[in-house]
Amino acid sequence: MSSTARHPRHRLEPLLQSPVRFSVLAALAGAERLEFRFVRDVVEVSDSALSKQSAALEEAGLVEVEKGYLGKRPRTWLRATPRGRQVFREHCEGLQAIARGPEADPPPDPGER
């Protein structure tokens, strides 16, 4: 195997191996920003679970958390950062490559040369 060939698992983002974090970023990847409550309901987690997972994604620079008001009511919005969108896309490409399985033409066996 050449030194540049790498298994697609090396393209996976460890932080997104959590189904909840993966689901949050999946929801955010296709939107400009989403309200916290909407993401909570779509991902089917509690407020505290979403808060914890979105904080981990924010710390990694994959998500921005914005707090404000809609009228007099406090609201929180989540947004995928450009880096977060890129990491999510690469993670999904890695998963797809793994699911496709080995390439049709595997590298030659070094003993067969």
PDB file of N, CA and C in Angstrom:
ATOM      1  N   MET A   1       0.852  -1.176   0.000  1.00  0.00           N
ATOM      2  CA  MET A   1       0.000   0.000   0.000  1.00  0.00           C
ATOM      3  C   MET A   1       0.894   1.235   0.000  1.00  0.00           C
ATOM      4  N   SER A   2       0.519   2.231  -0.780  1.00  0.00           N
ATOM      5  CA  SER A   2       1.344   3.434  -0.831  1.00  0.00           C
ATOM      6  C   SER A   2       1.199   4.212   0.468  1.00  0.00           C
ATOM      7  N   SER A   3       2.190   5.028   0.739  1.00  0.00           N
ATOM      8  CA  SER A   3       2.167   5.793   1.988  1.00  0.00           C
ATOM      9  C   SER A   3       1.100   6.881   1.960  1.00  0.00           C
ATOM     10  N   THR A   4       0.594   7.230   0.755  1.00  0.00           N
ATOM     11  CA  THR A   4      -0.446   8.260   0.679  1.00  0.00           C
ATOM     12  C   THR A   4      -1.846   7.672   0.796  1.00  0.00           C
ATOM     13  N   ALA A   5      -2.015   6.353   0.583  1.00  0.00           N
ATOM     14  CA  ALA A   5      -3.329   5.723   0.708  1.00  0.00           C
ATOM     15  C   ALA A   5      -3.692   5.644   2.191  1.00  0.00           C
ATOM     16  N   ARG A   6      -4.895   6.060   2.484  1.00  0.00           N
ATOM     17  CA  ARG A   6      -5.353   6.028   3.870  1.00  0.00           C
ATOM     18  C   ARG A   6      -6.782   5.545   3.896  1.00  0.00           C
ATOM     19  N   HIS A   7      -7.092   4.793   4.908  1.00  0.00           N
ATOM     20  CA  HIS A   7      -8.463   4.320   5.076  1.00  0.00           C
ATOM     21  C   HIS A   7      -9.365   5.535   5.310  1.00  0.00           C
ATOM     22  N   PRO A   8     -10.587   5.515   4.760  1.00  0.00           N
ATOM     23  CA  PRO A   8     -11.488   6.663   4.909  1.00  0.00           C
ATOM     24  C   PRO A   8     -11.830   7.003   6.357  1.00  0.00           C
ATOM     25  N   ARG A   9     -11.641   6.074   7.277  1.00  0.00           N
ATOM     26  CA  ARG A   9     -11.959   6.377   8.687  1.00  0.00           C
ATOM     27  C   ARG A   9     -11.099   7.519   9.209  1.00  0.00           C
ATOM     28  N   HIS A  10      -9.953   7.762   8.577  1.00  0.00           N
ATOM     29  CA  HIS A  10      -9.085   8.852   9.006  1.00  0.00           C
ATOM     30  C   HIS A  10      -9.683  10.214   8.674  1.00  0.00           C
ATOM     31  N   ARG A  11     -10.729  10.226   7.845  1.00  0.00           N
ATOM     32  CA  ARG A  11     -11.408  11.474   7.498  1.00  0.00           C
ATOM     33  C   ARG A  11     -12.545  11.787   8.465  1.00  0.00           C
ATOM     34  N   LEU A  12     -12.838  10.886   9.383  1.00  0.00           N
ATOM     35  CA  LEU A  12     -13.936  11.096  10.321  1.00  0.00           C
ATOM     36  C   LEU A  12     -13.510  12.029  11.454  1.00  0.00           C
ATOM     37  N   GLU A  13     -14.423  12.878  11.854  1.00  0.00           N
ATOM     38  CA  GLU A  13     -14.208  13.799  12.963  1.00  0.00           C
ATOM     39  C   GLU A  13     -14.633  13.092  14.245  1.00  0.00           C
ATOM     40  N   PRO A  14     -13.703  12.847  15.167  1.00  0.00           N
ATOM     41  CA  PRO A  14     -14.059  12.134  16.403  1.00  0.00           C
ATOM     42  C   PRO A  14     -15.228  12.774  17.161  1.00  0.00           C
ATOM     43  N   LEU A  15     -15.313  14.066  17.155  1.00  0.00           N
ATOM     44  CA  LEU A  15     -16.387  14.753  17.870  1.00  0.00           C
ATOM     45  C   LEU A  15     -17.760  14.383  17.300  1.00  0.00           C
ATOM     46  N   LEU A  16     -17.816  14.050  16.011  1.00  0.00           N
ATOM     47  CA  LEU A  16     -19.093  13.723  15.375  1.00  0.00           C
ATOM     48  C   LEU A  16     -19.442  12.246  15.468  1.00  0.00           C
ATOM     49  N   GLN A  17     -18.652  11.477  16.192  1.00  0.00           N
ATOM     50  CA  GLN A  17     -18.991  10.085  16.389  1.00  0.00           C
ATOM     51  C   GLN A  17     -20.093   9.922  17.428  1.00  0.00           C
ATOM     52  N   SER A  18     -20.428  10.994  18.115  1.00  0.00           N
ATOM     53  CA  SER A  18     -21.599  11.016  18.991  1.00  0.00           C
ATOM     54  C   SER A  18     -22.830  11.227  18.105  1.00  0.00           C
ATOM     55  N   PRO A  19     -23.812  10.319  18.173  1.00  0.00           N
ATOM     56  CA  PRO A  19     -25.005  10.487  17.336  1.00  0.00           C
ATOM     57  C   PRO A  19     -25.728  11.818  17.566  1.00  0.00           C
ATOM     58  N   VAL A  20     -25.719  12.323  18.780  1.00  0.00           N
ATOM     59  CA  VAL A  20     -26.405  13.589  19.045  1.00  0.00           C
ATOM     60  C   VAL A  20     -25.653  14.747  18.387  1.00  0.00           C
ATOM     61  N   ARG A  21     -24.341  14.814  18.567  1.00  0.00           N
ATOM     62  CA  ARG A  21     -23.571  15.902  17.940  1.00  0.00           C
ATOM     63  C   ARG A  21     -23.655  15.815  16.419  1.00  0.00           C
ATOM     64  N   PHE A  22     -23.589  14.598  15.871  1.00  0.00           N
ATOM     65  CA  PHE A  22     -23.729  14.418  14.435  1.00  0.00           C
ATOM     66  C   PHE A  22     -25.096  14.932  13.975  1.00  0.00           C
ATOM     67  N   SER A  23     -26.149  14.581  14.698  1.00  0.00           N
ATOM     68  CA  SER A  23     -27.507  14.997  14.344  1.00  0.00           C
ATOM     69  C   SER A  23     -27.682  16.506  14.424  1.00  0.00           C
ATOM     70  N   VAL A  24     -27.083  17.125  15.430  1.00  0.00           N
ATOM     71  CA  VAL A  24     -27.172  18.588  15.571  1.00  0.00           C
ATOM     72  C   VAL A  24     -26.504  19.248  14.372  1.00  0.00           C
ATOM     73  N   LEU A  25     -25.305  18.829  14.042  1.00  0.00           N
ATOM     74  CA  LEU A  25     -24.598  19.453  12.917  1.00  0.00           C
ATOM     75  C   LEU A  25     -25.304  19.142  11.599  1.00  0.00           C
ATOM     76  N   ALA A  26     -25.899  17.972  11.471  1.00  0.00           N
ATOM     77  CA  ALA A  26     -26.664  17.637  10.262  1.00  0.00           C
ATOM     78  C   ALA A  26     -27.845  18.600  10.098  1.00  0.00           C
ATOM     79  N   ALA A  27     -28.538  18.882  11.190  1.00  0.00           N
ATOM     80  CA  ALA A  27     -29.664  19.818  11.126  1.00  0.00           C
ATOM     81  C   ALA A  27     -29.191  21.213  10.753  1.00  0.00           C
ATOM     82  N   LEU A  28     -28.062  21.626  11.307  1.00  0.00           N
ATOM     83  CA  LEU A  28     -27.566  22.983  11.076  1.00  0.00           C
ATOM     84  C   LEU A  28     -26.899  23.154   9.720  1.00  0.00           C
ATOM     85  N   ALA A  29     -26.377  22.086   9.147  1.00  0.00           N
ATOM     86  CA  ALA A  29     -25.610  22.183   7.900  1.00  0.00           C
ATOM     87  C   ALA A  29     -26.439  22.720   6.741  1.00  0.00           C
ATOM     88  N   GLY A  30     -27.731  22.481   6.771  1.00  0.00           N
ATOM     89  CA  GLY A  30     -28.574  22.931   5.671  1.00  0.00           C
ATOM     90  C   GLY A  30     -29.339  24.212   5.942  1.00  0.00           C
ATOM     91  N   ALA A  31     -29.022  24.896   7.019  1.00  0.00           N
ATOM     92  CA  ALA A  31     -29.778  26.096   7.392  1.00  0.00           C
ATOM     93  C   ALA A  31     -28.833  27.239   7.742  1.00  0.00           C
ATOM     94  N   GLU A  32     -29.331  28.443   7.616  1.00  0.00           N
ATOM     95  CA  GLU A  32     -28.537  29.610   8.023  1.00  0.00           C
ATOM     96  C   GLU A  32     -28.346  29.600   9.539  1.00  0.00           C
ATOM     97  N   ARG A  33     -29.447  29.471  10.261  1.00  0.00           N
ATOM     98  CA  ARG A  33     -29.421  29.313  11.717  1.00  0.00           C
ATOM     99  C   ARG A  33     -30.757  28.735  12.127  1.00  0.00           C
ATOM    100  N   LEU A  34     -30.759  28.038  13.253  1.00  0.00           N
ATOM    101  CA  LEU A  34     -31.987  27.429  13.753  1.00  0.00           C
ATOM    102  C   LEU A  34     -32.153  27.754  15.226  1.00  0.00           C
ATOM    103  N   GLU A  35     -33.383  27.885  15.638  1.00  0.00           N
ATOM    104  CA  GLU A  35     -33.669  28.151  17.038  1.00  0.00           C
ATOM    105  C   GLU A  35     -33.396  26.893  17.861  1.00  0.00           C
ATOM    106  N   PHE A  36     -32.850  27.097  19.030  1.00  0.00           N
ATOM    107  CA  PHE A  36     -32.483  26.018  19.947  1.00  0.00           C
ATOM    108  C   PHE A  36     -33.632  25.027  20.115  1.00  0.00           C
ATOM    109  N   ARG A  37     -34.831  25.542  20.380  1.00  0.00           N
ATOM    110  CA  ARG A  37     -35.982  24.657  20.624  1.00  0.00           C
ATOM    111  C   ARG A  37     -36.300  23.789  19.416  1.00  0.00           C
ATOM    112  N   PHE A  38     -36.143  24.353  18.205  1.00  0.00           N
ATOM    113  CA  PHE A  38     -36.395  23.583  16.989  1.00  0.00           C
ATOM    114  C   PHE A  38     -35.383  22.441  16.873  1.00  0.00           C
ATOM    115  N   VAL A  39     -34.105  22.732  17.100  1.00  0.00           N
ATOM    116  CA  VAL A  39     -33.066  21.701  17.024  1.00  0.00           C
ATOM    117  C   VAL A  39     -33.321  20.638  18.095  1.00  0.00           C
ATOM    118  N   ARG A  40     -33.659  21.060  19.275  1.00  0.00           N
ATOM    119  CA  ARG A  40     -33.974  20.117  20.369  1.00  0.00           C
ATOM    120  C   ARG A  40     -35.055  19.135  19.946  1.00  0.00           C
ATOM    121  N   ASP A  41     -36.118  19.662  19.337  1.00  0.00           N
ATOM    122  CA  ASP A  41     -37.236  18.814  18.936  1.00  0.00           C
ATOM    123  C   ASP A  41     -36.878  17.906  17.760  1.00  0.00           C
ATOM    124  N   VAL A  42     -36.123  18.416  16.811  1.00  0.00           N
ATOM    125  CA  VAL A  42     -35.731  17.618  15.645  1.00  0.00           C
ATOM    126  C   VAL A  42     -34.796  16.480  16.060  1.00  0.00           C
ATOM    127  N   VAL A  43     -33.863  16.782  16.949  1.00  0.00           N
ATOM    128  CA  VAL A  43     -32.873  15.787  17.375  1.00  0.00           C
ATOM    129  C   VAL A  43     -33.455  14.880  18.475  1.00  0.00           C
ATOM    130  N   GLU A  44     -34.547  15.313  19.077  1.00  0.00           N
ATOM    131  CA  GLU A  44     -35.239  14.545  20.121  1.00  0.00           C
ATOM    132  C   GLU A  44     -34.372  14.328  21.355  1.00  0.00           C
ATOM    133  N   VAL A  45     -33.902  15.441  21.916  1.00  0.00           N
ATOM    134  CA  VAL A  45     -33.121  15.415  23.152  1.00  0.00           C
ATOM    135  C   VAL A  45     -33.691  16.453  24.113  1.00  0.00           C
ATOM    136  N   SER A  46     -33.240  16.398  25.346  1.00  0.00           N
ATOM    137  CA  SER A  46     -33.663  17.382  26.343  1.00  0.00           C
ATOM    138  C   SER A  46     -32.895  18.686  26.152  1.00  0.00           C
ATOM    139  N   ASP A  47     -33.396  19.737  26.793  1.00  0.00           N
ATOM    140  CA  ASP A  47     -32.696  21.021  26.759  1.00  0.00           C
ATOM    141  C   ASP A  47     -31.265  20.875  27.271  1.00  0.00           C
ATOM    142  N   SER A  48     -31.109  20.173  28.392  1.00  0.00           N
ATOM    143  CA  SER A  48     -29.774  20.057  28.988  1.00  0.00           C
ATOM    144  C   SER A  48     -28.836  19.248  28.088  1.00  0.00           C
ATOM    145  N   ALA A  49     -29.347  18.201  27.440  1.00  0.00           N
ATOM    146  CA  ALA A  49     -28.491  17.409  26.539  1.00  0.00           C
ATOM    147  C   ALA A  49     -28.059  18.240  25.340  1.00  0.00           C
ATOM    148  N   LEU A  50     -28.985  19.000  24.752  1.00  0.00           N
ATOM    149  CA  LEU A  50     -28.622  19.839  23.608  1.00  0.00           C
ATOM    150  C   LEU A  50     -27.663  20.935  24.030  1.00  0.00           C
ATOM    151  N   SER A  51     -27.881  21.505  25.191  1.00  0.00           N
ATOM    152  CA  SER A  51     -26.984  22.543  25.688  1.00  0.00           C
ATOM    153  C   SER A  51     -25.563  22.009  25.834  1.00  0.00           C
ATOM    154  N   LYS A  52     -25.436  20.830  26.421  1.00  0.00           N
ATOM    155  CA  LYS A  52     -24.116  20.224  26.616  1.00  0.00           C
ATOM    156  C   LYS A  52     -23.445  19.908  25.278  1.00  0.00           C
ATOM    157  N   GLN A  53     -24.190  19.325  24.361  1.00  0.00           N
ATOM    158  CA  GLN A  53     -23.603  18.934  23.075  1.00  0.00           C
ATOM    159  C   GLN A  53     -23.295  20.143  22.198  1.00  0.00           C
ATOM    160  N   SER A  54     -24.146  21.149  22.226  1.00  0.00           N
ATOM    161  CA  SER A  54     -23.868  22.346  21.425  1.00  0.00           C
ATOM    162  C   SER A  54     -22.677  23.109  22.001  1.00  0.00           C
ATOM    163  N   ALA A  55     -22.491  23.052  23.319  1.00  0.00           N
ATOM    164  CA  ALA A  55     -21.314  23.686  23.925  1.00  0.00           C
ATOM    165  C   ALA A  55     -20.028  22.991  23.462  1.00  0.00           C
ATOM    166  N   ALA A  56     -20.056  21.669  23.352  1.00  0.00           N
ATOM    167  CA  ALA A  56     -18.887  20.930  22.868  1.00  0.00           C
ATOM    168  C   ALA A  56     -18.596  21.292  21.417  1.00  0.00           C
ATOM    169  N   LEU A  57     -19.636  21.397  20.596  1.00  0.00           N
ATOM    170  CA  LEU A  57     -19.456  21.778  19.192  1.00  0.00           C
ATOM    171  C   LEU A  57     -18.969  23.221  19.074  1.00  0.00           C
ATOM    172  N   GLU A  58     -19.460  24.090  19.952  1.00  0.00           N
ATOM    173  CA  GLU A  58     -19.025  25.486  19.936  1.00  0.00           C
ATOM    174  C   GLU A  58     -17.556  25.587  20.339  1.00  0.00           C
ATOM    175  N   GLU A  59     -17.161  24.858  21.363  1.00  0.00           N
ATOM    176  CA  GLU A  59     -15.766  24.871  21.824  1.00  0.00           C
ATOM    177  C   GLU A  59     -14.816  24.415  20.713  1.00  0.00           C
ATOM    178  N   ALA A  60     -15.277  23.497  19.874  1.00  0.00           N
ATOM    179  CA  ALA A  60     -14.460  22.991  18.765  1.00  0.00           C
ATOM    180  C   ALA A  60     -14.497  23.922  17.550  1.00  0.00           C
ATOM    181  N   GLY A  61     -15.300  24.967  17.615  1.00  0.00           N
ATOM    182  CA  GLY A  61     -15.381  25.907  16.499  1.00  0.00           C
ATOM    183  C   GLY A  61     -16.283  25.450  15.364  1.00  0.00           C
ATOM    184  N   LEU A  62     -17.152  24.474  15.630  1.00  0.00           N
ATOM    185  CA  LEU A  62     -18.024  23.944  14.587  1.00  0.00           C
ATOM    186  C   LEU A  62     -19.400  24.601  14.586  1.00  0.00           C
ATOM    187  N   VAL A  63     -19.781  25.184  15.726  1.00  0.00           N
ATOM    188  CA  VAL A  63     -21.102  25.794  15.887  1.00  0.00           C
ATOM    189  C   VAL A  63     -20.946  27.120  16.620  1.00  0.00           C
ATOM    190  N   GLU A  64     -21.790  28.077  16.253  1.00  0.00           N
ATOM    191  CA  GLU A  64     -21.889  29.332  16.998  1.00  0.00           C
ATOM    192  C   GLU A  64     -23.227  29.343  17.722  1.00  0.00           C
ATOM    193  N   VAL A  65     -23.212  29.797  18.956  1.00  0.00           N
ATOM    194  CA  VAL A  65     -24.434  29.921  19.750  1.00  0.00           C
ATOM    195  C   VAL A  65     -24.699  31.410  19.922  1.00  0.00           C
ATOM    196  N   GLU A  66     -25.892  31.837  19.550  1.00  0.00           N
ATOM    197  CA  GLU A  66     -26.262  33.246  19.626  1.00  0.00           C
ATOM    198  C   GLU A  66     -27.473  33.389  20.534  1.00  0.00           C
ATOM    199  N   LYS A  67     -27.353  34.265  21.514  1.00  0.00           N
ATOM    200  CA  LYS A  67     -28.466  34.507  22.439  1.00  0.00           C
ATOM    201  C   LYS A  67     -29.023  35.894  22.169  1.00  0.00           C
ATOM    202  N   GLY A  68     -30.323  36.015  22.264  1.00  0.00           N
ATOM    203  CA  GLY A  68     -30.971  37.300  22.026  1.00  0.00           C
ATOM    204  C   GLY A  68     -32.411  37.232  22.458  1.00  0.00           C
ATOM    205  N   TYR A  69     -33.181  38.162  21.931  1.00  0.00           N
ATOM    206  CA  TYR A  69     -34.598  38.240  22.279  1.00  0.00           C
ATOM    207  C   TYR A  69     -35.429  38.303  21.015  1.00  0.00           C
ATOM    208  N   LEU A  70     -36.573  37.690  21.087  1.00  0.00           N
ATOM    209  CA  LEU A  70     -37.590  37.824  20.063  1.00  0.00           C
ATOM    210  C   LEU A  70     -38.748  38.491  20.783  1.00  0.00           C
ATOM    211  N   GLY A  71     -38.866  39.792  20.568  1.00  0.00           N
ATOM    212  CA  GLY A  71     -39.782  40.578  21.398  1.00  0.00           C
ATOM    213  C   GLY A  71     -39.188  40.634  22.794  1.00  0.00           C
ATOM    214  N   LYS A  72     -39.959  40.221  23.781  1.00  0.00           N
ATOM    215  CA  LYS A  72     -39.447  40.214  25.152  1.00  0.00           C
ATOM    216  C   LYS A  72     -39.015  38.830  25.600  1.00  0.00           C
ATOM    217  N   ARG A  73     -39.089  37.872  24.702  1.00  0.00           N
ATOM    218  CA  ARG A  73     -38.769  36.491  25.074  1.00  0.00           C
ATOM    219  C   ARG A  73     -37.321  36.155  24.711  1.00  0.00           C
ATOM    220  N   PRO A  74     -36.579  35.609  25.667  1.00  0.00           N
ATOM    221  CA  PRO A  74     -35.198  35.212  25.362  1.00  0.00           C
ATOM    222  C   PRO A  74     -35.190  34.014  24.406  1.00  0.00           C
ATOM    223  N   ARG A  75     -34.252  34.049  23.490  1.00  0.00           N
ATOM    224  CA  ARG A  75     -34.116  32.968  22.518  1.00  0.00           C
ATOM    225  C   ARG A  75     -32.640  32.637  22.335  1.00  0.00           C
ATOM    226  N   THR A  76     -32.393  31.406  21.919  1.00  0.00           N
ATOM    227  CA  THR A  76     -31.035  30.963  21.578  1.00  0.00           C
ATOM    228  C   THR A  76     -31.094  30.367  20.187  1.00  0.00           C
ATOM    229  N   TRP A  77     -30.140  30.756  19.350  1.00  0.00           N
ATOM    230  CA  TRP A  77     -30.040  30.227  18.002  1.00  0.00           C
ATOM    231  C   TRP A  77     -28.699  29.520  17.842  1.00  0.00           C
ATOM    232  N   LEU A  78     -28.703  28.510  17.008  1.00  0.00           N
ATOM    233  CA  LEU A  78     -27.485  27.766  16.692  1.00  0.00           C
ATOM    234  C   LEU A  78     -27.208  27.911  15.210  1.00  0.00           C
ATOM    235  N   ARG A  79     -25.920  27.999  14.881  1.00  0.00           N
ATOM    236  CA  ARG A  79     -25.504  28.151  13.497  1.00  0.00           C
ATOM    237  C   ARG A  79     -24.222  27.354  13.299  1.00  0.00           C
ATOM    238  N   ALA A  80     -24.148  26.600  12.196  1.00  0.00           N
ATOM    239  CA  ALA A  80     -22.902  25.910  11.855  1.00  0.00           C
ATOM    240  C   ALA A  80     -21.930  26.946  11.319  1.00  0.00           C
ATOM    241  N   THR A  81     -20.699  26.901  11.767  1.00  0.00           N
ATOM    242  CA  THR A  81     -19.662  27.790  11.232  1.00  0.00           C
ATOM    243  C   THR A  81     -19.228  27.265   9.866  1.00  0.00           C
ATOM    244  N   PRO A  82     -18.543  28.077   9.065  1.00  0.00           N
ATOM    245  CA  PRO A  82     -18.008  27.566   7.800  1.00  0.00           C
ATOM    246  C   PRO A  82     -17.124  26.332   8.028  1.00  0.00           C
ATOM    247  N   ARG A  83     -16.301  26.365   9.061  1.00  0.00           N
ATOM    248  CA  ARG A  83     -15.469  25.201   9.382  1.00  0.00           C
ATOM    249  C   ARG A  83     -16.345  24.009   9.765  1.00  0.00           C
ATOM    250  N   GLY A  84     -17.421  24.258  10.518  1.00  0.00           N
ATOM    251  CA  GLY A  84     -18.330  23.195  10.910  1.00  0.00           C
ATOM    252  C   GLY A  84     -18.983  22.532   9.709  1.00  0.00           C
ATOM    253  N   ARG A  85     -19.370  23.337   8.718  1.00  0.00           N
ATOM    254  CA  ARG A  85     -19.961  22.792   7.495  1.00  0.00           C
ATOM    255  C   ARG A  85     -18.944  21.938   6.735  1.00  0.00           C
ATOM    256  N   GLN A  86     -17.707  22.412   6.680  1.00  0.00           N
ATOM    257  CA  GLN A  86     -16.652  21.669   5.978  1.00  0.00           C
ATOM    258  C   GLN A  86     -16.354  20.351   6.696  1.00  0.00           C
ATOM    259  N   VAL A  87     -16.212  20.401   8.006  1.00  0.00           N
ATOM    260  CA  VAL A  87     -15.931  19.189   8.786  1.00  0.00           C
ATOM    261  C   VAL A  87     -17.076  18.193   8.630  1.00  0.00           C
ATOM    262  N   PHE A  88     -18.317  18.679   8.661  1.00  0.00           N
ATOM    263  CA  PHE A  88     -19.470  17.797   8.502  1.00  0.00           C
ATOM    264  C   PHE A  88     -19.451  17.138   7.121  1.00  0.00           C
ATOM    265  N   ARG A  89     -19.189  17.926   6.090  1.00  0.00           N
ATOM    266  CA  ARG A  89     -19.150  17.401   4.719  1.00  0.00           C
ATOM    267  C   ARG A  89     -18.070  16.321   4.590  1.00  0.00           C
ATOM    268  N   GLU A  90     -16.870  16.594   5.114  1.00  0.00           N
ATOM    269  CA  GLU A  90     -15.774  15.627   5.038  1.00  0.00           C
ATOM    270  C   GLU A  90     -16.090  14.362   5.847  1.00  0.00           C
ATOM    271  N   HIS A  91     -16.727  14.536   6.990  1.00  0.00           N
ATOM    272  CA  HIS A  91     -17.117  13.394   7.821  1.00  0.00           C
ATOM    273  C   HIS A  91     -18.095  12.505   7.046  1.00  0.00           C
ATOM    274  N   CYS A  92     -19.094  13.128   6.412  1.00  0.00           N
ATOM    275  CA  CYS A  92     -20.080  12.366   5.634  1.00  0.00           C
ATOM    276  C   CYS A  92     -19.416  11.665   4.449  1.00  0.00           C
ATOM    277  N   GLU A  93     -18.486  12.336   3.787  1.00  0.00           N
ATOM    278  CA  GLU A  93     -17.764  11.712   2.674  1.00  0.00           C
ATOM    279  C   GLU A  93     -16.974  10.500   3.165  1.00  0.00           C
ATOM    280  N   GLY A  94     -16.375  10.602   4.328  1.00  0.00           N
ATOM    281  CA  GLY A  94     -15.645   9.480   4.909  1.00  0.00           C
ATOM    282  C   GLY A  94     -16.572   8.317   5.213  1.00  0.00           C
ATOM    283  N   LEU A  95     -17.745   8.602   5.787  1.00  0.00           N
ATOM    284  CA  LEU A  95     -18.724   7.545   6.074  1.00  0.00           C
ATOM    285  C   LEU A  95     -19.183   6.862   4.784  1.00  0.00           C
ATOM    286  N   GLN A  96     -19.426   7.660   3.744  1.00  0.00           N
ATOM    287  CA  GLN A  96     -19.860   7.092   2.466  1.00  0.00           C
ATOM    288  C   GLN A  96     -18.777   6.215   1.855  1.00  0.00           C
ATOM    289  N   ALA A  97     -17.524   6.653   1.958  1.00  0.00           N
ATOM    290  CA  ALA A  97     -16.415   5.861   1.422  1.00  0.00           C
ATOM    291  C   ALA A  97     -16.286   4.534   2.170  1.00  0.00           C
ATOM    292  N   ILE A  98     -16.471   4.564   3.469  1.00  0.00           N
ATOM    293  CA  ILE A  98     -16.422   3.326   4.256  1.00  0.00           C
ATOM    294  C   ILE A  98     -17.566   2.404   3.837  1.00  0.00           C
ATOM    295  N   ALA A  99     -18.763   2.967   3.665  1.00  0.00           N
ATOM    296  CA  ALA A  99     -19.933   2.165   3.304  1.00  0.00           C
ATOM    297  C   ALA A  99     -19.781   1.533   1.919  1.00  0.00           C
ATOM    298  N   ARG A 100     -19.073   2.196   1.017  1.00  0.00           N
ATOM    299  CA  ARG A 100     -18.859   1.631  -0.325  1.00  0.00           C
ATOM    300  C   ARG A 100     -17.948   0.422  -0.291  1.00  0.00           C
ATOM    301  N   GLY A 101     -17.125   0.332   0.727  1.00  0.00           N
ATOM    302  CA  GLY A 101     -16.221  -0.813   0.848  1.00  0.00           C
ATOM    303  C   GLY A 101     -14.928  -0.593   0.089  1.00  0.00           C
ATOM    304  N   PRO A 102     -14.083  -1.634   0.078  1.00  0.00           N
ATOM    305  CA  PRO A 102     -12.786  -1.519  -0.593  1.00  0.00           C
ATOM    306  C   PRO A 102     -12.969  -1.208  -2.079  1.00  0.00           C
ATOM    307  N   GLU A 103     -11.975  -0.548  -2.618  1.00  0.00           N
ATOM    308  CA  GLU A 103     -12.018  -0.206  -4.043  1.00  0.00           C
ATOM    309  C   GLU A 103     -12.011  -1.479  -4.886  1.00  0.00           C
ATOM    310  N   ALA A 104     -12.525  -1.364  -6.105  1.00  0.00           N
ATOM    311  CA  ALA A 104     -12.598  -2.518  -7.004  1.00  0.00           C
ATOM    312  C   ALA A 104     -11.214  -3.075  -7.311  1.00  0.00           C
ATOM    313  N   ASP A 105     -10.224  -2.223  -7.398  1.00  0.00           N
ATOM    314  CA  ASP A 105      -8.853  -2.651  -7.684  1.00  0.00           C
ATOM    315  C   ASP A 105      -7.998  -2.447  -6.449  1.00  0.00           C
ATOM    316  N   PRO A 106      -7.961  -3.436  -5.548  1.00  0.00           N
ATOM    317  CA  PRO A 106      -7.152  -3.268  -4.333  1.00  0.00           C
ATOM    318  C   PRO A 106      -5.673  -3.183  -4.694  1.00  0.00           C
ATOM    319  N   PRO A 107      -4.869  -2.577  -3.826  1.00  0.00           N
ATOM    320  CA  PRO A 107      -3.437  -2.480  -4.098  1.00  0.00           C
ATOM    321  C   PRO A 107      -2.838  -3.878  -4.235  1.00  0.00           C
ATOM    322  N   PRO A 108      -1.804  -4.014  -5.063  1.00  0.00           N
ATOM    323  CA  PRO A 108      -1.196  -5.342  -5.242  1.00  0.00           C
ATOM    324  C   PRO A 108      -0.554  -5.828  -3.964  1.00  0.00           C
ATOM    325  N   ASP A 109      -0.587  -7.129  -3.788  1.00  0.00           N
ATOM    326  CA  ASP A 109       0.059  -7.766  -2.643  1.00  0.00           C
ATOM    327  C   ASP A 109       1.573  -7.638  -2.853  1.00  0.00           C
ATOM    328  N   PRO A 110       2.314  -7.088  -1.874  1.00  0.00           N
ATOM    329  CA  PRO A 110       3.766  -6.903  -2.057  1.00  0.00           C
ATOM    330  C   PRO A 110       4.484  -8.204  -2.409  1.00  0.00           C
ATOM    331  N   GLY A 111       3.957  -9.358  -2.018  1.00  0.00           N
ATOM    332  CA  GLY A 111       4.608 -10.636  -2.322  1.00  0.00           C
ATOM    333  C   GLY A 111       4.397 -11.104  -3.741  1.00  0.00           C
ATOM    334  N   GLU A 112       3.506 -10.424  -4.504  1.00  0.00           N
ATOM    335  CA  GLU A 112       3.201 -10.856  -5.858  1.00  0.00           C
ATOM    336  C   GLU A 112       3.997 -10.114  -6.921  1.00  0.00           C
ATOM    337  N   ARG A 113       4.926  -9.281  -6.560  1.00  0.00           N
ATOM    338  CA  ARG A 113       5.674  -8.493  -7.543  1.00  0.00           C
ATOM    339  C   ARG A 113       6.707  -9.275  -8.224  1.00  0.00           C
TER     340      ARG A 113
END
